[in-house]
């Protein structure tokens, strides 16, 4: 509109009585009028492309509610039911979608809005499966999509059906408003993210890459920490740690519990677990984590800012370990004992015992060297370090860039939707399907709906929920970013 005002002002000046004949030649008048006409057209188009976000929020909330009510607990998954739901929603709008089943009931749905082809596509990605529930520990029905006190409750309400519902709504808005696109926008709602990627992203990459091939992807993995209703910063995940399962296995002689043995498998295993449990792998910062702590310091109270600014100081790391373990996990490969098996009767010394380690490796971790270091630490020939036989081996990949068109679009969208806060790149301590996309050269970014500390702790836990107002803000953010990345310039 500022350009329009300048052009109108130029026209008025040109037509002013005091203007000299040279300034009001017919050619100049025609040029100015054409420019004004074009400006009006662009202004009208921009106005037409502005969604009714209130209606969009209501519709997306219905999508989220419907998806929560479809139990896609993995195992067994049964994502095909949710995939068909999305396909049917798209069909009512005249949008063709295809469901790719990697196995019976394991569905992945894909749809595409065509652009003019000037740039490579943008992928909007979310997963349909959810982790299981302990029903007796929930205070509400985990699949009823109960709305109470400004929240919607249910398994998958945050991870990851909020992303699916928001992606679907943004996709529909682009279609309904006939937004001109420089890129195809691809919608993918997939199976198997929760530990069985062979049914989802691995299957799609290996068998249907042409359907989802893209330059940029927006996926789960980021977030917007919320304190007392105010977003502190918008976190964009550009990289993530790599899950690598290990076992510690101890072997000894079996015998009667009344006769202590020097080679008791449980005793040797317990000693090894104690050593690993207090072991710290070397600290290494990368581009993402270095900037994360630098920018976090700018918005933090002085006592926390001092920790973040001196993150390479062991005392700062110890403080972080005590108070903010998720941030501490960004500093190094973590090894956490999670399961121990050994023995079957109280009066029998078992011959074998086993402990499972949840290893979350830095993207550049040398696992062979790490296992050798652990063997030296444990220093016990009775204890072996073994790779988990069945584990989801996500690829270790370089981080997505901080100076790309997509990352800058996320920064600009954040400034519009969450003014007054920063966009901060983060390294996910968990894992997402973005790693498989990065392995194909895609610049993938993780984003997420605003959530308080309490709400973050409910993810994969009991009484999972999403704050409805924050979910609406996330839709605004996702639409604004998508428009800048894919919209015709």
Foldseek 3Di string as FASTA:
>chain_A
DVVLVVLVVLLCVLPDPVDDPVSVDPVNNVVSVVVNVVVVVVVVLVVLLDDPLVVLLVQLLVLLLVLLLPAQAPVVGLLVVNLVVLQVVCVVVVWHKDWDWLDVSFTKIKTKDDAPQQFWAEEQEAESYFHDAPVVPFPDDQRRQDDDPQWTWHTCSFRPSLSVSLLSSLVVSCVVSVFHWNYMYMYMYGTDFPFGCSRTPVVCVVPPCVRGPGAEYEYAFWAFADDPRATAAFEKAQAAFWKFKKKKKFFDDKDWQVDDDPRQRVVLVVLLQVLLAPDFDAFDDDPQLLQQLVQVLVRDPVVLVVLSVPVVDVVSLVVCVVPPVQNNLNGFWHWHWDDKDADDDPGMRGRMIMIMITIGGQLPDDVVVVLVVSCVRSVDPRIDMGTDPDGDGQHRADTADCPDQLNVLLQVLCCVLNNPHGYGYDYGHDDGSVSVVVVVVHRYMHGGFYDYPVQVVCRVHYRRIDRSVSSSSVSSSVSSSCCSVIGDD
